[in-house]
Amino acid sequence: MAREIDLLGYWMPVLRQLKEFKEIAKAETPELKYILEQVERTLNNMFIETADEYGIKRFEDMMGIYPEAGASLETRRFNVLVKWNDKVPYTEKELYNRLISICGDDNFSVNPDYKNYFLEIITHLGIEGAFDTISSILQDMIPCTGNNVNPIEVREYIERELKDRLAMVL
């Protein structure tokens, strides 16, 4: 906390001059500073965007999210935000809105083929663990009549595409 605490400033000028009150202020300043830091931490942990490790852990516990070992705070925050913004019923418009909220306006494309019950979604995210989160959301959102999204197949496809593109460049 960057705020400087001056207890002597709250007392009358006569009391500020007494040695005993100077010592009281010196002894109580660290305690007051600690209390104010904890109040600020508590306020920050009330919101997903500003929560620290402890705050995100509480949100994960509330929503039944089990983070992977070693997941970064940003990845955990991303997963909590995605689950927090979950809405039912799942419509095509809701799918687009969800992808916009997760990926941003220009970081994805959706190519539906309704005749063959196929939905291609291409994303361009740089957040670790975002692929797994989006895959699990799609598993929940895409109706039963749609083809199942198999994250392993998608990941293998992405790896093949990347290798092919790198081979072209090199």
N, C-alpha and C. Protein backbone atom coordinates (compact mmCIF):
# COMPACT_ATOMS: atom_id res chain seq x y z
N MET A 1 0.85 -1.17 0.00
CA MET A 1 0.00 0.00 0.00
C MET A 1 0.90 1.23 0.00
N ALA A 2 0.67 2.13 -0.90
CA ALA A 2 1.55 3.29 -1.07
C ALA A 2 1.18 4.46 -0.15
N ARG A 3 0.05 4.37 0.50
CA ARG A 3 -0.40 5.46 1.33
C ARG A 3 0.43 5.57 2.61
N GLU A 4 0.88 6.77 2.91
CA GLU A 4 1.67 7.02 4.11
C GLU A 4 0.71 7.32 5.27
N ILE A 5 1.01 6.76 6.42
CA ILE A 5 0.14 6.93 7.60
C ILE A 5 0.84 7.85 8.59
N ASP A 6 0.13 8.90 9.02
CA ASP A 6 0.68 9.87 9.96
C ASP A 6 -0.32 10.03 11.11
N LEU A 7 -0.15 9.23 12.15
CA LEU A 7 -1.07 9.31 13.29
C LEU A 7 -0.94 10.62 14.04
N LEU A 8 0.25 11.18 14.08
CA LEU A 8 0.43 12.43 14.81
C LEU A 8 -0.43 13.55 14.21
N GLY A 9 -0.69 13.48 12.92
CA GLY A 9 -1.49 14.51 12.26
C GLY A 9 -2.94 14.56 12.74
N TYR A 10 -3.41 13.47 13.37
CA TYR A 10 -4.79 13.42 13.85
C TYR A 10 -4.94 14.00 15.27
N TRP A 11 -3.83 14.22 15.93
CA TRP A 11 -3.89 14.69 17.31
C TRP A 11 -3.73 16.21 17.39
N MET A 12 -4.16 16.74 18.53
CA MET A 12 -4.03 18.18 18.76
C MET A 12 -2.54 18.56 18.79
N PRO A 13 -2.20 19.80 18.39
CA PRO A 13 -0.79 20.22 18.36
C PRO A 13 -0.07 20.05 19.69
N VAL A 14 -0.78 20.22 20.80
CA VAL A 14 -0.15 20.08 22.11
C VAL A 14 0.29 18.64 22.34
N LEU A 15 -0.57 17.67 21.93
CA LEU A 15 -0.25 16.26 22.14
C LEU A 15 0.87 15.78 21.21
N ARG A 16 0.96 16.40 20.05
CA ARG A 16 2.00 16.01 19.08
C ARG A 16 3.41 16.26 19.64
N GLN A 17 3.54 17.21 20.56
CA GLN A 17 4.85 17.56 21.10
C GLN A 17 5.30 16.62 22.21
N LEU A 18 4.38 15.88 22.82
CA LEU A 18 4.74 15.01 23.94
C LEU A 18 5.44 13.74 23.46
N LYS A 19 6.50 13.39 24.15
CA LYS A 19 7.31 12.23 23.78
C LYS A 19 6.49 10.94 23.81
N GLU A 20 5.61 10.80 24.80
CA GLU A 20 4.81 9.59 24.93
C GLU A 20 3.90 9.38 23.71
N PHE A 21 3.29 10.46 23.23
CA PHE A 21 2.40 10.35 22.07
C PHE A 21 3.18 10.08 20.78
N LYS A 22 4.38 10.60 20.69
CA LYS A 22 5.24 10.29 19.54
C LYS A 22 5.57 8.80 19.52
N GLU A 23 5.85 8.22 20.70
CA GLU A 23 6.17 6.80 20.79
C GLU A 23 4.93 5.94 20.50
N ILE A 24 3.78 6.39 20.98
CA ILE A 24 2.53 5.66 20.69
C ILE A 24 2.29 5.63 19.18
N ALA A 25 2.47 6.78 18.53
CA ALA A 25 2.28 6.86 17.08
C ALA A 25 3.28 5.95 16.36
N LYS A 26 4.52 5.93 16.82
CA LYS A 26 5.54 5.10 16.18
C LYS A 26 5.20 3.61 16.34
N ALA A 27 4.66 3.23 17.51
CA ALA A 27 4.32 1.83 17.76
C ALA A 27 3.05 1.40 17.01
N GLU A 28 2.08 2.28 16.87
CA GLU A 28 0.80 1.92 16.27
C GLU A 28 0.79 2.05 14.74
N THR A 29 1.68 2.80 14.16
CA THR A 29 1.70 3.00 12.71
C THR A 29 1.83 1.69 11.94
N PRO A 30 2.77 0.79 12.30
CA PRO A 30 2.86 -0.47 11.55
C PRO A 30 1.59 -1.32 11.65
N GLU A 31 0.97 -1.31 12.83
CA GLU A 31 -0.26 -2.09 13.01
C GLU A 31 -1.39 -1.53 12.15
N LEU A 32 -1.53 -0.22 12.14
CA LEU A 32 -2.57 0.41 11.34
C LEU A 32 -2.31 0.19 9.85
N LYS A 33 -1.05 0.26 9.47
CA LYS A 33 -0.68 0.03 8.08
C LYS A 33 -1.05 -1.40 7.66
N TYR A 34 -0.77 -2.37 8.53
CA TYR A 34 -1.12 -3.76 8.26
C TYR A 34 -2.64 -3.92 8.12
N ILE A 35 -3.40 -3.31 9.00
CA ILE A 35 -4.86 -3.40 8.95
C ILE A 35 -5.38 -2.82 7.64
N LEU A 36 -4.88 -1.67 7.24
CA LEU A 36 -5.33 -1.05 5.99
C LEU A 36 -4.96 -1.89 4.77
N GLU A 37 -3.79 -2.53 4.80
CA GLU A 37 -3.40 -3.42 3.69
C GLU A 37 -4.34 -4.63 3.61
N GLN A 38 -4.73 -5.16 4.76
CA GLN A 38 -5.65 -6.30 4.77
C GLN A 38 -7.05 -5.90 4.31
N VAL A 39 -7.48 -4.71 4.65
CA VAL A 39 -8.78 -4.21 4.17
C VAL A 39 -8.74 -4.08 2.65
N GLU A 40 -7.64 -3.53 2.12
CA GLU A 40 -7.51 -3.40 0.67
C GLU A 40 -7.47 -4.77 0.00
N ARG A 41 -6.77 -5.72 0.59
CA ARG A 41 -6.71 -7.08 0.04
C ARG A 41 -8.09 -7.71 0.02
N THR A 42 -8.84 -7.53 1.10
CA THR A 42 -10.20 -8.07 1.17
C THR A 42 -11.08 -7.47 0.09
N LEU A 43 -10.99 -6.18 -0.10
CA LEU A 43 -11.78 -5.53 -1.15
C LEU A 43 -11.37 -6.04 -2.54
N ASN A 44 -10.08 -6.19 -2.78
CA ASN A 44 -9.62 -6.71 -4.07
C ASN A 44 -10.09 -8.13 -4.31
N ASN A 45 -10.16 -8.95 -3.26
CA ASN A 45 -10.58 -10.34 -3.40
C ASN A 45 -12.08 -10.50 -3.58
N MET A 46 -12.83 -9.43 -3.51
CA MET A 46 -14.27 -9.50 -3.76
C MET A 46 -14.58 -9.54 -5.25
N PHE A 47 -13.60 -9.24 -6.09
CA PHE A 47 -13.80 -9.16 -7.53
C PHE A 47 -12.79 -10.07 -8.23
N ILE A 48 -13.26 -10.80 -9.22
CA ILE A 48 -12.41 -11.77 -9.92
C ILE A 48 -11.22 -11.08 -10.58
N GLU A 49 -11.45 -9.94 -11.19
CA GLU A 49 -10.40 -9.24 -11.94
C GLU A 49 -9.24 -8.78 -11.06
N THR A 50 -9.49 -8.52 -9.78
CA THR A 50 -8.44 -7.99 -8.91
C THR A 50 -8.02 -8.97 -7.81
N ALA A 51 -8.60 -10.17 -7.81
CA ALA A 51 -8.32 -11.14 -6.75
C ALA A 51 -6.89 -11.68 -6.86
N ASP A 52 -6.31 -11.96 -5.69
CA ASP A 52 -5.00 -12.59 -5.65
C ASP A 52 -5.20 -14.11 -5.56
N GLU A 53 -4.14 -14.85 -5.28
CA GLU A 53 -4.21 -16.32 -5.23
C GLU A 53 -5.29 -16.80 -4.25
N TYR A 54 -5.33 -16.18 -3.08
CA TYR A 54 -6.30 -16.57 -2.07
C TYR A 54 -7.73 -16.30 -2.55
N GLY A 55 -7.95 -15.14 -3.15
CA GLY A 55 -9.28 -14.79 -3.63
C GLY A 55 -9.75 -15.69 -4.76
N ILE A 56 -8.85 -15.99 -5.71
CA ILE A 56 -9.20 -16.87 -6.82
C ILE A 56 -9.52 -18.27 -6.30
N LYS A 57 -8.76 -18.73 -5.30
CA LYS A 57 -9.02 -20.04 -4.70
C LYS A 57 -10.42 -20.10 -4.12
N ARG A 58 -10.86 -19.03 -3.49
CA ARG A 58 -12.22 -19.00 -2.92
C ARG A 58 -13.27 -19.06 -4.03
N PHE A 59 -13.06 -18.32 -5.13
CA PHE A 59 -14.00 -18.38 -6.26
C PHE A 59 -14.02 -19.78 -6.86
N GLU A 60 -12.84 -20.40 -6.99
CA GLU A 60 -12.78 -21.76 -7.54
C GLU A 60 -13.55 -22.74 -6.65
N ASP A 61 -13.40 -22.60 -5.34
CA ASP A 61 -14.11 -23.47 -4.42
C ASP A 61 -15.62 -23.28 -4.53
N MET A 62 -16.07 -22.04 -4.67
CA MET A 62 -17.50 -21.76 -4.80
C MET A 62 -18.09 -22.40 -6.06
N MET A 63 -17.31 -22.41 -7.15
CA MET A 63 -17.81 -22.86 -8.44
C MET A 63 -17.42 -24.30 -8.77
N GLY A 64 -16.71 -24.96 -7.88
CA GLY A 64 -16.33 -26.34 -8.12
C GLY A 64 -15.28 -26.49 -9.21
N ILE A 65 -14.38 -25.53 -9.31
CA ILE A 65 -13.31 -25.58 -10.30
C ILE A 65 -12.06 -26.12 -9.62
N TYR A 66 -11.42 -27.08 -10.27
CA TYR A 66 -10.18 -27.66 -9.75
C TYR A 66 -9.06 -27.30 -10.72
N PRO A 67 -8.21 -26.34 -10.34
CA PRO A 67 -7.16 -25.91 -11.27
C PRO A 67 -6.08 -26.97 -11.42
N GLU A 68 -5.43 -26.94 -12.58
CA GLU A 68 -4.31 -27.85 -12.81
C GLU A 68 -3.14 -27.41 -11.94
N ALA A 69 -2.31 -28.37 -11.57
CA ALA A 69 -1.14 -28.06 -10.76
C ALA A 69 -0.21 -27.14 -11.56
N GLY A 70 0.22 -26.08 -10.95
CA GLY A 70 1.14 -25.15 -11.59
C GLY A 70 0.47 -24.14 -12.51
N ALA A 71 -0.86 -24.10 -12.53
CA ALA A 71 -1.55 -23.12 -13.37
C ALA A 71 -1.28 -21.71 -12.86
N SER A 72 -1.07 -20.78 -13.78
CA SER A 72 -0.77 -19.41 -13.37
C SER A 72 -2.03 -18.73 -12.85
N LEU A 73 -1.84 -17.64 -12.15
CA LEU A 73 -2.97 -16.87 -11.62
C LEU A 73 -3.85 -16.37 -12.77
N GLU A 74 -3.23 -15.94 -13.86
CA GLU A 74 -4.00 -15.44 -15.01
C GLU A 74 -4.87 -16.55 -15.61
N THR A 75 -4.33 -17.75 -15.72
CA THR A 75 -5.10 -18.88 -16.26
C THR A 75 -6.25 -19.22 -15.33
N ARG A 76 -5.99 -19.27 -14.05
CA ARG A 76 -7.04 -19.57 -13.07
C ARG A 76 -8.12 -18.50 -13.09
N ARG A 77 -7.71 -17.23 -13.19
CA ARG A 77 -8.67 -16.12 -13.26
C ARG A 77 -9.53 -16.26 -14.51
N PHE A 78 -8.90 -16.60 -15.65
CA PHE A 78 -9.61 -16.81 -16.90
C PHE A 78 -10.68 -17.89 -16.74
N ASN A 79 -10.31 -19.02 -16.13
CA ASN A 79 -11.25 -20.13 -15.94
C ASN A 79 -12.42 -19.72 -15.04
N VAL A 80 -12.13 -18.97 -13.99
CA VAL A 80 -13.19 -18.51 -13.08
C VAL A 80 -14.13 -17.55 -13.81
N LEU A 81 -13.57 -16.62 -14.58
CA LEU A 81 -14.42 -15.67 -15.32
C LEU A 81 -15.32 -16.39 -16.32
N VAL A 82 -14.79 -17.38 -16.99
CA VAL A 82 -15.59 -18.12 -17.96
C VAL A 82 -16.75 -18.82 -17.27
N LYS A 83 -16.46 -19.49 -16.17
CA LYS A 83 -17.53 -20.19 -15.44
C LYS A 83 -18.52 -19.21 -14.82
N TRP A 84 -18.03 -18.07 -14.34
CA TRP A 84 -18.88 -17.06 -13.71
C TRP A 84 -19.90 -16.49 -14.71
N ASN A 85 -19.48 -16.33 -15.95
CA ASN A 85 -20.34 -15.74 -16.97
C ASN A 85 -21.19 -16.75 -17.72
N ASP A 86 -21.31 -17.95 -17.18
CA ASP A 86 -22.09 -19.01 -17.82
C ASP A 86 -23.57 -18.66 -17.79
N LYS A 87 -24.22 -18.78 -18.97
CA LYS A 87 -25.65 -18.49 -19.07
C LYS A 87 -26.36 -19.66 -19.75
N VAL A 88 -27.59 -19.91 -19.38
CA VAL A 88 -28.44 -20.90 -20.02
C VAL A 88 -29.67 -20.16 -20.50
N PRO A 89 -30.29 -20.44 -21.60
CA PRO A 89 -30.07 -21.55 -22.52
C PRO A 89 -28.95 -21.23 -23.49
N TYR A 90 -28.44 -22.28 -24.09
CA TYR A 90 -27.35 -22.14 -25.04
C TYR A 90 -27.91 -22.01 -26.45
N THR A 91 -27.83 -20.82 -26.98
CA THR A 91 -28.27 -20.57 -28.34
C THR A 91 -27.05 -20.18 -29.17
N GLU A 92 -27.25 -20.08 -30.49
CA GLU A 92 -26.13 -19.68 -31.35
C GLU A 92 -25.66 -18.28 -30.98
N LYS A 93 -26.60 -17.41 -30.69
CA LYS A 93 -26.23 -16.04 -30.29
C LYS A 93 -25.43 -16.06 -28.99
N GLU A 94 -25.85 -16.90 -28.05
CA GLU A 94 -25.12 -17.00 -26.79
C GLU A 94 -23.72 -17.56 -27.00
N LEU A 95 -23.59 -18.51 -27.94
CA LEU A 95 -22.27 -19.04 -28.27
C LEU A 95 -21.37 -17.93 -28.81
N TYR A 96 -21.89 -17.12 -29.73
CA TYR A 96 -21.11 -16.00 -30.26
C TYR A 96 -20.75 -15.01 -29.15
N ASN A 97 -21.71 -14.68 -28.30
CA ASN A 97 -21.44 -13.75 -27.20
C ASN A 97 -20.39 -14.31 -26.24
N ARG A 98 -20.46 -15.60 -25.96
CA ARG A 98 -19.50 -16.23 -25.07
C ARG A 98 -18.11 -16.18 -25.69
N LEU A 99 -18.02 -16.51 -26.98
CA LEU A 99 -16.71 -16.47 -27.65
C LEU A 99 -16.16 -15.06 -27.71
N ILE A 100 -17.02 -14.06 -27.88
CA ILE A 100 -16.57 -12.66 -27.86
C ILE A 100 -16.03 -12.31 -26.48
N SER A 101 -16.74 -12.73 -25.43
CA SER A 101 -16.28 -12.39 -24.07
C SER A 101 -14.99 -13.11 -23.71
N ILE A 102 -14.76 -14.30 -24.26
CA ILE A 102 -13.55 -15.05 -23.95
C ILE A 102 -12.38 -14.63 -24.84
N CYS A 103 -12.65 -14.55 -26.14
CA CYS A 103 -11.57 -14.37 -27.12
C CYS A 103 -11.39 -12.93 -27.58
N GLY A 104 -12.42 -12.11 -27.46
CA GLY A 104 -12.39 -10.77 -28.03
C GLY A 104 -13.06 -10.79 -29.40
N ASP A 105 -13.30 -9.61 -29.95
CA ASP A 105 -14.07 -9.51 -31.20
C ASP A 105 -13.39 -10.15 -32.40
N ASP A 106 -12.10 -9.99 -32.54
CA ASP A 106 -11.41 -10.42 -33.75
C ASP A 106 -10.54 -11.66 -33.57
N ASN A 107 -10.67 -12.36 -32.46
CA ASN A 107 -9.77 -13.49 -32.19
C ASN A 107 -10.41 -14.85 -32.43
N PHE A 108 -11.52 -14.90 -33.15
CA PHE A 108 -12.13 -16.20 -33.43
C PHE A 108 -12.98 -16.10 -34.69
N SER A 109 -13.25 -17.26 -35.25
CA SER A 109 -14.21 -17.34 -36.36
C SER A 109 -15.02 -18.62 -36.19
N VAL A 110 -16.29 -18.56 -36.56
CA VAL A 110 -17.19 -19.70 -36.45
C VAL A 110 -17.70 -20.01 -37.85
N ASN A 111 -17.53 -21.26 -38.26
CA ASN A 111 -17.97 -21.69 -39.58
C ASN A 111 -18.93 -22.87 -39.42
N PRO A 112 -20.22 -22.59 -39.34
CA PRO A 112 -21.18 -23.69 -39.15
C PRO A 112 -21.52 -24.39 -40.48
N ASP A 113 -21.71 -25.69 -40.42
CA ASP A 113 -22.22 -26.49 -41.53
C ASP A 113 -23.39 -27.27 -40.96
N TYR A 114 -24.56 -26.63 -40.92
CA TYR A 114 -25.73 -27.22 -40.25
C TYR A 114 -26.20 -28.49 -40.93
N LYS A 115 -26.05 -28.56 -42.22
CA LYS A 115 -26.51 -29.73 -42.97
C LYS A 115 -25.79 -31.00 -42.51
N ASN A 116 -24.50 -30.87 -42.22
CA ASN A 116 -23.70 -32.02 -41.80
C ASN A 116 -23.45 -32.05 -40.29
N TYR A 117 -24.16 -31.22 -39.55
CA TYR A 117 -24.01 -31.17 -38.10
C TYR A 117 -22.56 -30.93 -37.70
N PHE A 118 -21.95 -29.93 -38.30
CA PHE A 118 -20.54 -29.65 -38.06
C PHE A 118 -20.37 -28.17 -37.73
N LEU A 119 -19.54 -27.89 -36.77
CA LEU A 119 -19.27 -26.52 -36.37
C LEU A 119 -17.76 -26.36 -36.19
N GLU A 120 -17.16 -25.51 -37.01
CA GLU A 120 -15.72 -25.26 -36.92
C GLU A 120 -15.52 -23.93 -36.21
N ILE A 121 -14.73 -23.95 -35.15
CA ILE A 121 -14.41 -22.73 -34.40
C ILE A 121 -12.90 -22.59 -34.37
N ILE A 122 -12.43 -21.46 -34.85
CA ILE A 122 -11.00 -21.18 -34.88
C ILE A 122 -10.73 -20.01 -33.95
N THR A 123 -9.82 -20.21 -33.00
CA THR A 123 -9.48 -19.13 -32.05
C THR A 123 -8.01 -18.80 -32.14
N HIS A 124 -7.68 -17.59 -31.71
CA HIS A 124 -6.29 -17.12 -31.69
C HIS A 124 -6.03 -16.47 -30.34
N LEU A 125 -5.77 -17.31 -29.34
CA LEU A 125 -5.54 -16.80 -27.99
C LEU A 125 -4.12 -17.09 -27.56
N GLY A 126 -3.59 -16.22 -26.71
CA GLY A 126 -2.23 -16.40 -26.21
C GLY A 126 -2.18 -16.72 -24.74
N ILE A 127 -3.30 -17.15 -24.15
CA ILE A 127 -3.34 -17.43 -22.72
C ILE A 127 -3.15 -18.93 -22.51
N GLU A 128 -2.24 -19.29 -21.62
CA GLU A 128 -1.99 -20.68 -21.33
C GLU A 128 -3.24 -21.32 -20.72
N GLY A 129 -3.64 -22.47 -21.24
CA GLY A 129 -4.81 -23.18 -20.72
C GLY A 129 -6.12 -22.73 -21.32
N ALA A 130 -6.11 -21.72 -22.18
CA ALA A 130 -7.36 -21.22 -22.76
C ALA A 130 -7.99 -22.26 -23.68
N PHE A 131 -7.16 -23.02 -24.40
CA PHE A 131 -7.68 -24.03 -25.32
C PHE A 131 -8.53 -25.05 -24.57
N ASP A 132 -8.01 -25.56 -23.44
CA ASP A 132 -8.74 -26.56 -22.67
C ASP A 132 -10.04 -25.99 -22.11
N THR A 133 -10.00 -24.75 -21.66
CA THR A 133 -11.20 -24.11 -21.12
C THR A 133 -12.26 -23.95 -22.20
N ILE A 134 -11.86 -23.46 -23.36
CA ILE A 134 -12.82 -23.27 -24.44
C ILE A 134 -13.37 -24.62 -24.91
N SER A 135 -12.53 -25.64 -24.97
CA SER A 135 -12.99 -26.98 -25.37
C SER A 135 -14.05 -27.49 -24.41
N SER A 136 -13.83 -27.32 -23.11
CA SER A 136 -14.81 -27.82 -22.14
C SER A 136 -16.11 -27.02 -22.21
N ILE A 137 -16.01 -25.73 -22.49
CA ILE A 137 -17.22 -24.92 -22.63
C ILE A 137 -18.01 -25.37 -23.85
N LEU A 138 -17.29 -25.63 -24.95
CA LEU A 138 -17.97 -26.08 -26.16
C LEU A 138 -18.62 -27.44 -25.95
N GLN A 139 -18.00 -28.29 -25.16
CA GLN A 139 -18.61 -29.58 -24.84
C GLN A 139 -19.97 -29.36 -24.16
N ASP A 140 -20.05 -28.35 -23.30
CA ASP A 140 -21.31 -28.07 -22.60
C ASP A 140 -22.32 -27.34 -23.48
N MET A 141 -21.83 -26.45 -24.34
CA MET A 141 -22.74 -25.58 -25.08
C MET A 141 -23.27 -26.17 -26.38
N ILE A 142 -22.45 -26.93 -27.09
CA ILE A 142 -22.89 -27.45 -28.38
C ILE A 142 -23.94 -28.52 -28.14
N PRO A 143 -25.07 -28.44 -28.84
CA PRO A 143 -26.16 -29.40 -28.59
C PRO A 143 -25.77 -30.83 -28.94
N CYS A 144 -26.54 -31.76 -28.43
CA CYS A 144 -26.26 -33.18 -28.66
C CYS A 144 -26.29 -33.54 -30.13
N THR A 145 -27.05 -32.81 -30.95
CA THR A 145 -27.12 -33.12 -32.37
C THR A 145 -25.84 -32.74 -33.09
N GLY A 146 -25.01 -31.90 -32.48
CA GLY A 146 -23.74 -31.52 -33.09
C GLY A 146 -22.70 -32.60 -32.86
N ASN A 147 -21.70 -32.63 -33.71
CA ASN A 147 -20.61 -33.59 -33.50
C ASN A 147 -19.89 -33.24 -32.22
N ASN A 148 -19.43 -34.26 -31.53
CA ASN A 148 -18.70 -34.02 -30.29
C ASN A 148 -17.36 -33.37 -30.60
N VAL A 149 -16.99 -32.46 -29.75
CA VAL A 149 -15.69 -31.81 -29.88
C VAL A 149 -14.70 -32.68 -29.13
N ASN A 150 -13.72 -33.19 -29.84
CA ASN A 150 -12.70 -34.02 -29.22
C ASN A 150 -11.43 -33.19 -29.13
N PRO A 151 -11.09 -32.72 -27.93
CA PRO A 151 -9.92 -31.84 -27.78
C PRO A 151 -8.63 -32.48 -28.27
N ILE A 152 -8.50 -33.81 -28.15
CA ILE A 152 -7.27 -34.47 -28.59
C ILE A 152 -7.14 -34.36 -30.11
N GLU A 153 -8.25 -34.62 -30.82
CA GLU A 153 -8.22 -34.50 -32.28
C GLU A 153 -7.93 -33.07 -32.69
N VAL A 154 -8.55 -32.11 -32.01
CA VAL A 154 -8.35 -30.70 -32.35
C VAL A 154 -6.90 -30.32 -32.10
N ARG A 155 -6.34 -30.75 -30.99
CA ARG A 155 -4.96 -30.43 -30.65
C ARG A 155 -4.00 -31.05 -31.68
N GLU A 156 -4.28 -32.31 -32.06
CA GLU A 156 -3.44 -32.95 -33.06
C GLU A 156 -3.53 -32.21 -34.40
N TYR A 157 -4.73 -31.78 -34.76
CA TYR A 157 -4.92 -31.03 -36.00
C TYR A 157 -4.10 -29.73 -35.96
N ILE A 158 -4.17 -29.04 -34.83
CA ILE A 158 -3.43 -27.78 -34.68
C ILE A 158 -1.93 -28.03 -34.78
N GLU A 159 -1.46 -29.10 -34.11
CA GLU A 159 -0.03 -29.41 -34.16
C GLU A 159 0.41 -29.73 -35.59
N ARG A 160 -0.39 -30.51 -36.34
CA ARG A 160 -0.06 -30.82 -37.73
C ARG A 160 0.00 -29.56 -38.57
N GLU A 161 -1.00 -28.66 -38.37
CA GLU A 161 -1.04 -27.42 -39.13
C GLU A 161 0.19 -26.57 -38.83
N LEU A 162 0.56 -26.48 -37.56
CA LEU A 162 1.74 -25.69 -37.19
C LEU A 162 3.00 -26.27 -37.80
N LYS A 163 3.14 -27.60 -37.75
CA LYS A 163 4.32 -28.24 -38.33
C LYS A 163 4.38 -27.98 -39.84
N ASP A 164 3.22 -28.11 -40.52
CA ASP A 164 3.18 -27.87 -41.97
C ASP A 164 3.58 -26.43 -42.29
N ARG A 165 3.07 -25.49 -41.52
CA ARG A 165 3.39 -24.08 -41.77
C ARG A 165 4.85 -23.78 -41.50
N LEU A 166 5.40 -24.38 -40.44
CA LEU A 166 6.82 -24.18 -40.15
C LEU A 166 7.68 -24.80 -41.24
N ALA A 167 7.26 -25.96 -41.75
CA ALA A 167 8.02 -26.59 -42.81
C ALA A 167 8.04 -25.72 -44.06
N MET A 168 6.93 -25.02 -44.33
CA MET A 168 6.86 -24.13 -45.49
C MET A 168 7.81 -22.94 -45.33
N VAL A 169 7.87 -22.43 -44.12
CA VAL A 169 8.70 -21.26 -43.85
C VAL A 169 10.18 -21.62 -43.90
N LEU A 170 10.52 -22.76 -43.34
CA LEU A 170 11.93 -23.17 -43.30
C LEU A 170 12.29 -23.77 -44.62
